[in-house]
């Protein structure tokens, strides 16, 4: 899901909302009452994950690593 929807997720993480980001939260098992916190966290992590000087594969690696570390919502 993340690889196929990478560009959409990048855009929505910058905004802190969107259907792809909500779908990702569902796939990660984020409960509905924690969704807003997940979206805010994703937006806060945007600068680290999508740092301008890094490659797309590195951004993807950082995104996957961040998702593993910050998925205590379930």
PDB file of N, CA and C in Angstrom:
ATOM      1  N   UNK A   1       0.826  -1.199   0.000  1.00  0.00           N
ATOM      2  CA  UNK A   1       0.000   0.000   0.000  1.00  0.00           C
ATOM      3  C   UNK A   1       0.868   1.261   0.000  1.00  0.00           C
ATOM      4  N   UNK A   2       1.859   1.275   0.864  1.00  0.00           N
ATOM      5  CA  UNK A   2       2.709   2.466   0.997  1.00  0.00           C
ATOM      6  C   UNK A   2       3.498   2.721  -0.284  1.00  0.00           C
ATOM      7  N   UNK A   3       4.055   1.676  -0.880  1.00  0.00           N
ATOM      8  CA  UNK A   3       4.852   1.844  -2.095  1.00  0.00           C
ATOM      9  C   UNK A   3       3.978   2.341  -3.246  1.00  0.00           C
ATOM     10  N   UNK A   4       2.825   1.718  -3.425  1.00  0.00           N
ATOM     11  CA  UNK A   4       1.931   2.071  -4.533  1.00  0.00           C
ATOM     12  C   UNK A   4       1.361   3.480  -4.373  1.00  0.00           C
ATOM     13  N   UNK A   5       1.115   3.898  -3.146  1.00  0.00           N
ATOM     14  CA  UNK A   5       0.470   5.187  -2.877  1.00  0.00           C
ATOM     15  C   UNK A   5       1.423   6.222  -2.288  1.00  0.00           C
ATOM     16  N   UNK A   6       2.698   6.042  -2.515  1.00  0.00           N
ATOM     17  CA  UNK A   6       3.729   6.890  -1.917  1.00  0.00           C
ATOM     18  C   UNK A   6       3.487   8.383  -2.166  1.00  0.00           C
ATOM     19  N   UNK A   7       3.243   8.763  -3.410  1.00  0.00           N
ATOM     20  CA  UNK A   7       3.076  10.185  -3.740  1.00  0.00           C
ATOM     21  C   UNK A   7       1.854  10.780  -3.047  1.00  0.00           C
ATOM     22  N   UNK A   8       0.760  10.023  -3.033  1.00  0.00           N
ATOM     23  CA  UNK A   8      -0.451  10.501  -2.359  1.00  0.00           C
ATOM     24  C   UNK A   8      -0.218  10.638  -0.857  1.00  0.00           C
ATOM     25  N   UNK A   9       0.458   9.663  -0.274  1.00  0.00           N
ATOM     26  CA  UNK A   9       0.742   9.725   1.159  1.00  0.00           C
ATOM     27  C   UNK A   9       1.639  10.913   1.484  1.00  0.00           C
ATOM     28  N   UNK A  10       2.612  11.172   0.630  1.00  0.00           N
ATOM     29  CA  UNK A  10       3.498  12.314   0.860  1.00  0.00           C
ATOM     30  C   UNK A  10       2.695  13.613   0.884  1.00  0.00           C
ATOM     31  N   UNK A  11       1.829  13.785  -0.079  1.00  0.00           N
ATOM     32  CA  UNK A  11       1.010  14.998  -0.142  1.00  0.00           C
ATOM     33  C   UNK A  11       0.091  15.112   1.072  1.00  0.00           C
ATOM     34  N   UNK A  12      -0.539  14.005   1.436  1.00  0.00           N
ATOM     35  CA  UNK A  12      -1.492  14.045   2.544  1.00  0.00           C
ATOM     36  C   UNK A  12      -0.808  14.180   3.898  1.00  0.00           C
ATOM     37  N   UNK A  13       0.401  13.645   4.033  1.00  0.00           N
ATOM     38  CA  UNK A  13       1.133  13.835   5.286  1.00  0.00           C
ATOM     39  C   UNK A  13       1.496  15.298   5.472  1.00  0.00           C
ATOM     40  N   UNK A  14       1.800  15.988   4.398  1.00  0.00           N
ATOM     41  CA  UNK A  14       2.095  17.422   4.485  1.00  0.00           C
ATOM     42  C   UNK A  14       0.873  18.193   4.973  1.00  0.00           C
ATOM     43  N   UNK A  15      -0.316  17.743   4.568  1.00  0.00           N
ATOM     44  CA  UNK A  15      -1.563  18.407   4.952  1.00  0.00           C
ATOM     45  C   UNK A  15      -2.099  17.918   6.294  1.00  0.00           C
ATOM     46  N   UNK A  16      -1.723  16.704   6.672  1.00  0.00           N
ATOM     47  CA  UNK A  16      -2.232  16.124   7.913  1.00  0.00           C
ATOM     48  C   UNK A  16      -3.615  15.530   7.791  1.00  0.00           C
ATOM     49  N   UNK A  17      -4.035  15.244   6.555  1.00  0.00           N
ATOM     50  CA  UNK A  17      -5.347  14.633   6.339  1.00  0.00           C
ATOM     51  C   UNK A  17      -5.437  14.088   4.921  1.00  0.00           C
ATOM     52  N   UNK A  18      -6.462  13.267   4.705  1.00  0.00           N
ATOM     53  CA  UNK A  18      -6.710  12.737   3.372  1.00  0.00           C
ATOM     54  C   UNK A  18      -7.076  11.270   3.406  1.00  0.00           C
ATOM     55  N   UNK A  19      -7.718  10.822   2.326  1.00  0.00           N
ATOM     56  CA  UNK A  19      -8.235   9.457   2.292  1.00  0.00           C
ATOM     57  C   UNK A  19      -7.136   8.393   2.320  1.00  0.00           C
ATOM     58  N   UNK A  20      -6.001   8.646   1.686  1.00  0.00           N
ATOM     59  CA  UNK A  20      -4.924   7.655   1.699  1.00  0.00           C
ATOM     60  C   UNK A  20      -4.316   7.534   3.094  1.00  0.00           C
ATOM     61  N   UNK A  21      -4.163   8.654   3.756  1.00  0.00           N
ATOM     62  CA  UNK A  21      -3.612   8.647   5.110  1.00  0.00           C
ATOM     63  C   UNK A  21      -4.575   7.977   6.088  1.00  0.00           C
ATOM     64  N   UNK A  22      -5.862   8.213   5.918  1.00  0.00           N
ATOM     65  CA  UNK A  22      -6.864   7.542   6.753  1.00  0.00           C
ATOM     66  C   UNK A  22      -6.861   6.043   6.461  1.00  0.00           C
ATOM     67  N   UNK A  23      -6.755   5.675   5.184  1.00  0.00           N
ATOM     68  CA  UNK A  23      -6.686   4.252   4.832  1.00  0.00           C
ATOM     69  C   UNK A  23      -5.461   3.598   5.453  1.00  0.00           C
ATOM     70  N   UNK A  24      -4.343   4.301   5.443  1.00  0.00           N
ATOM     71  CA  UNK A  24      -3.139   3.773   6.070  1.00  0.00           C
ATOM     72  C   UNK A  24      -3.359   3.568   7.560  1.00  0.00           C
ATOM     73  N   UNK A  25      -4.012   4.507   8.201  1.00  0.00           N
ATOM     74  CA  UNK A  25      -4.282   4.351   9.636  1.00  0.00           C
ATOM     75  C   UNK A  25      -5.155   3.126   9.887  1.00  0.00           C
ATOM     76  N   UNK A  26      -6.115   2.881   9.005  1.00  0.00           N
ATOM     77  CA  UNK A  26      -6.954   1.689   9.138  1.00  0.00           C
ATOM     78  C   UNK A  26      -6.130   0.413   8.978  1.00  0.00           C
ATOM     79  N   UNK A  27      -5.246   0.397   7.989  1.00  0.00           N
ATOM     80  CA  UNK A  27      -4.393  -0.775   7.765  1.00  0.00           C
ATOM     81  C   UNK A  27      -3.467  -1.040   8.947  1.00  0.00           C
ATOM     82  N   UNK A  28      -3.062   0.020   9.626  1.00  0.00           N
ATOM     83  CA  UNK A  28      -2.181  -0.117  10.791  1.00  0.00           C
ATOM     84  C   UNK A  28      -2.950  -0.451  12.062  1.00  0.00           C
ATOM     85  N   UNK A  29      -4.279  -0.455  11.973  1.00  0.00           N
ATOM     86  CA  UNK A  29      -5.089  -0.797  13.136  1.00  0.00           C
ATOM     87  C   UNK A  29      -5.293   0.340  14.117  1.00  0.00           C
ATOM     88  N   UNK A  30      -5.168   1.569  13.634  1.00  0.00           N
ATOM     89  CA  UNK A  30      -5.386   2.725  14.505  1.00  0.00           C
ATOM     90  C   UNK A  30      -6.887   2.820  14.808  1.00  0.00           C
ATOM     91  N   UNK A  31      -7.259   2.805  16.082  1.00  0.00           N
ATOM     92  CA  UNK A  31      -8.681   2.922  16.426  1.00  0.00           C
ATOM     93  C   UNK A  31      -9.240   4.286  15.992  1.00  0.00           C
ATOM     94  N   UNK A  32     -10.514   4.339  15.640  1.00  0.00           N
ATOM     95  CA  UNK A  32     -11.113   5.610  15.198  1.00  0.00           C
ATOM     96  C   UNK A  32     -10.909   6.759  16.187  1.00  0.00           C
ATOM     97  N   UNK A  33     -10.922   6.469  17.476  1.00  0.00           N
ATOM     98  CA  UNK A  33     -10.758   7.550  18.454  1.00  0.00           C
ATOM     99  C   UNK A  33      -9.313   8.044  18.564  1.00  0.00           C
ATOM    100  N   UNK A  34      -8.382   7.370  17.907  1.00  0.00           N
ATOM    101  CA  UNK A  34      -6.978   7.804  17.892  1.00  0.00           C
ATOM    102  C   UNK A  34      -6.550   8.327  16.526  1.00  0.00           C
ATOM    103  N   UNK A  35      -7.467   8.348  15.581  1.00  0.00           N
ATOM    104  CA  UNK A  35      -7.121   8.722  14.203  1.00  0.00           C
ATOM    105  C   UNK A  35      -6.582  10.148  14.114  1.00  0.00           C
ATOM    106  N   UNK A  36      -7.216  11.097  14.778  1.00  0.00           N
ATOM    107  CA  UNK A  36      -6.734  12.483  14.705  1.00  0.00           C
ATOM    108  C   UNK A  36      -5.310  12.599  15.226  1.00  0.00           C
ATOM    109  N   UNK A  37      -5.015  11.891  16.292  1.00  0.00           N
ATOM    110  CA  UNK A  37      -3.656  11.910  16.850  1.00  0.00           C
ATOM    111  C   UNK A  37      -2.668  11.310  15.848  1.00  0.00           C
ATOM    112  N   UNK A  38      -3.066  10.234  15.166  1.00  0.00           N
ATOM    113  CA  UNK A  38      -2.221   9.615  14.147  1.00  0.00           C
ATOM    114  C   UNK A  38      -1.952  10.602  13.008  1.00  0.00           C
ATOM    115  N   UNK A  39      -2.990  11.269  12.538  1.00  0.00           N
ATOM    116  CA  UNK A  39      -2.837  12.220  11.434  1.00  0.00           C
ATOM    117  C   UNK A  39      -1.922  13.380  11.824  1.00  0.00           C
ATOM    118  N   UNK A  40      -2.061  13.873  13.038  1.00  0.00           N
ATOM    119  CA  UNK A  40      -1.193  14.952  13.521  1.00  0.00           C
ATOM    120  C   UNK A  40       0.255  14.480  13.628  1.00  0.00           C
ATOM    121  N   UNK A  41       0.430  13.262  14.110  1.00  0.00           N
ATOM    122  CA  UNK A  41       1.773  12.697  14.227  1.00  0.00           C
ATOM    123  C   UNK A  41       2.407  12.540  12.849  1.00  0.00           C
ATOM    124  N   UNK A  42       1.634  12.064  11.892  1.00  0.00           N
ATOM    125  CA  UNK A  42       2.140  11.907  10.528  1.00  0.00           C
ATOM    126  C   UNK A  42       2.576  13.256   9.965  1.00  0.00           C
ATOM    127  N   UNK A  43       1.797  14.283  10.208  1.00  0.00           N
ATOM    128  CA  UNK A  43       2.142  15.611   9.713  1.00  0.00           C
ATOM    129  C   UNK A  43       3.417  16.135  10.384  1.00  0.00           C
ATOM    130  N   UNK A  44       3.556  15.898  11.675  1.00  0.00           N
ATOM    131  CA  UNK A  44       4.770  16.333  12.391  1.00  0.00           C
ATOM    132  C   UNK A  44       6.017  15.625  11.866  1.00  0.00           C
ATOM    133  N   UNK A  45       5.882  14.380  11.430  1.00  0.00           N
ATOM    134  CA  UNK A  45       7.023  13.598  10.948  1.00  0.00           C
ATOM    135  C   UNK A  45       7.382  13.902   9.495  1.00  0.00           C
ATOM    136  N   UNK A  46       6.567  14.682   8.829  1.00  0.00           N
ATOM    137  CA  UNK A  46       6.755  14.941   7.397  1.00  0.00           C
ATOM    138  C   UNK A  46       8.170  15.432   7.067  1.00  0.00           C
ATOM    139  N   UNK A  47       8.651  16.418   7.790  1.00  0.00           N
ATOM    140  CA  UNK A  47       9.970  16.992   7.511  1.00  0.00           C
ATOM    141  C   UNK A  47      11.097  15.983   7.605  1.00  0.00           C
ATOM    142  N   UNK A  48      10.997  15.063   8.558  1.00  0.00           N
ATOM    143  CA  UNK A  48      12.014  14.022   8.710  1.00  0.00           C
ATOM    144  C   UNK A  48      11.910  13.001   7.583  1.00  0.00           C
ATOM    145  N   UNK A  49      10.702  12.563   7.296  1.00  0.00           N
ATOM    146  CA  UNK A  49      10.506  11.492   6.317  1.00  0.00           C
ATOM    147  C   UNK A  49      10.830  11.950   4.903  1.00  0.00           C
ATOM    148  N   UNK A  50      10.387  13.136   4.548  1.00  0.00           N
ATOM    149  CA  UNK A  50      10.521  13.608   3.172  1.00  0.00           C
ATOM    150  C   UNK A  50      11.510  14.759   3.053  1.00  0.00           C
ATOM    151  N   UNK A  51      12.600  14.657   3.775  1.00  0.00           N
ATOM    152  CA  UNK A  51      13.650  15.676   3.721  1.00  0.00           C
ATOM    153  C   UNK A  51      14.043  15.921   2.264  1.00  0.00           C
ATOM    154  N   UNK A  52      14.114  17.176   1.892  1.00  0.00           N
ATOM    155  CA  UNK A  52      14.294  17.556   0.488  1.00  0.00           C
ATOM    156  C   UNK A  52      15.547  16.970  -0.165  1.00  0.00           C
ATOM    157  N   UNK A  53      16.629  16.853   0.558  1.00  0.00           N
ATOM    158  CA  UNK A  53      17.896  16.427  -0.035  1.00  0.00           C
ATOM    159  C   UNK A  53      18.048  14.915  -0.159  1.00  0.00           C
ATOM    160  N   UNK A  54      17.062  14.151   0.249  1.00  0.00           N
ATOM    161  CA  UNK A  54      17.227  12.697   0.200  1.00  0.00           C
ATOM    162  C   UNK A  54      16.481  12.080  -0.977  1.00  0.00           C
ATOM    163  N   UNK A  55      16.860  10.868  -1.290  1.00  0.00           N
ATOM    164  CA  UNK A  55      16.266  10.150  -2.411  1.00  0.00           C
ATOM    165  C   UNK A  55      14.896   9.585  -2.044  1.00  0.00           C
ATOM    166  N   UNK A  56      14.151   9.235  -3.065  1.00  0.00           N
ATOM    167  CA  UNK A  56      12.833   8.613  -2.852  1.00  0.00           C
ATOM    168  C   UNK A  56      12.953   7.306  -2.065  1.00  0.00           C
ATOM    169  N   UNK A  57      13.907   6.417  -2.405  1.00  0.00           N
ATOM    170  CA  UNK A  57      14.044   5.190  -1.601  1.00  0.00           C
ATOM    171  C   UNK A  57      14.341   5.472  -0.128  1.00  0.00           C
ATOM    172  N   UNK A  58      15.123   6.496   0.146  1.00  0.00           N
ATOM    173  CA  UNK A  58      15.414   6.844   1.540  1.00  0.00           C
ATOM    174  C   UNK A  58      14.159   7.369   2.227  1.00  0.00           C
ATOM    175  N   UNK A  59      13.371   8.166   1.530  1.00  0.00           N
ATOM    176  CA  UNK A  59      12.101   8.639   2.103  1.00  0.00           C
ATOM    177  C   UNK A  59      11.185   7.468   2.410  1.00  0.00           C
ATOM    178  N   UNK A  60      11.125   6.515   1.509  1.00  0.00           N
ATOM    179  CA  UNK A  60      10.296   5.330   1.727  1.00  0.00           C
ATOM    180  C   UNK A  60      10.801   4.541   2.930  1.00  0.00           C
ATOM    181  N   UNK A  61      12.114   4.395   3.047  1.00  0.00           N
ATOM    182  CA  UNK A  61      12.688   3.682   4.189  1.00  0.00           C
ATOM    183  C   UNK A  61      12.334   4.395   5.494  1.00  0.00           C
ATOM    184  N   UNK A  62      12.465   5.715   5.497  1.00  0.00           N
ATOM    185  CA  UNK A  62      12.140   6.482   6.702  1.00  0.00           C
ATOM    186  C   UNK A  62      10.650   6.390   7.042  1.00  0.00           C
ATOM    187  N   UNK A  63       9.818   6.410   6.018  1.00  0.00           N
ATOM    188  CA  UNK A  63       8.380   6.291   6.254  1.00  0.00           C
ATOM    189  C   UNK A  63       8.058   4.945   6.895  1.00  0.00           C
ATOM    190  N   UNK A  64       8.603   3.873   6.349  1.00  0.00           N
ATOM    191  CA  UNK A  64       8.339   2.539   6.890  1.00  0.00           C
ATOM    192  C   UNK A  64       8.879   2.422   8.317  1.00  0.00           C
ATOM    193  N   UNK A  65      10.067   2.953   8.554  1.00  0.00           N
ATOM    194  CA  UNK A  65      10.652   2.907   9.896  1.00  0.00           C
ATOM    195  C   UNK A  65       9.794   3.697  10.884  1.00  0.00           C
ATOM    196  N   UNK A  66       9.350   4.870  10.483  1.00  0.00           N
ATOM    197  CA  UNK A  66       8.518   5.701  11.349  1.00  0.00           C
ATOM    198  C   UNK A  66       7.199   5.011  11.656  1.00  0.00           C
ATOM    199  N   UNK A  67       6.614   4.363  10.672  1.00  0.00           N
ATOM    200  CA  UNK A  67       5.354   3.650  10.895  1.00  0.00           C
ATOM    201  C   UNK A  67       5.537   2.519  11.898  1.00  0.00           C
ATOM    202  N   UNK A  68       6.666   1.842  11.846  1.00  0.00           N
ATOM    203  CA  UNK A  68       6.934   0.747  12.784  1.00  0.00           C
ATOM    204  C   UNK A  68       7.098   1.279  14.203  1.00  0.00           C
ATOM    205  N   UNK A  69       7.742   2.411  14.335  1.00  0.00           N
ATOM    206  CA  UNK A  69       8.027   2.977  15.654  1.00  0.00           C
ATOM    207  C   UNK A  69       6.813   3.675  16.247  1.00  0.00           C
ATOM    208  N   UNK A  70       6.019   4.319  15.409  1.00  0.00           N
ATOM    209  CA  UNK A  70       4.930   5.153  15.921  1.00  0.00           C
ATOM    210  C   UNK A  70       3.559   4.549  15.680  1.00  0.00           C
ATOM    211  N   UNK A  71       3.434   3.238  15.800  1.00  0.00           N
ATOM    212  CA  UNK A  71       2.108   2.644  15.623  1.00  0.00           C
ATOM    213  C   UNK A  71       1.582   2.018  16.916  1.00  0.00           C
ATOM    214  N   UNK A  72       1.734   2.698  18.063  1.00  0.00           N
ATOM    215  CA  UNK A  72       1.187   2.165  19.311  1.00  0.00           C
ATOM    216  C   UNK A  72      -0.269   2.569  19.519  1.00  0.00           C
ATOM    217  N   UNK A  73      -0.975   2.814  18.430  1.00  0.00           N
ATOM    218  CA  UNK A  73      -2.349   3.291  18.526  1.00  0.00           C
ATOM    219  C   UNK A  73      -3.347   2.164  18.710  1.00  0.00           C
ATOM    220  N   UNK A  74      -2.971   0.946  18.353  1.00  0.00           N
ATOM    221  CA  UNK A  74      -3.920  -0.165  18.441  1.00  0.00           C
ATOM    222  C   UNK A  74      -3.942  -0.755  19.829  1.00  0.00           C
TER     223      UNK A  74
END
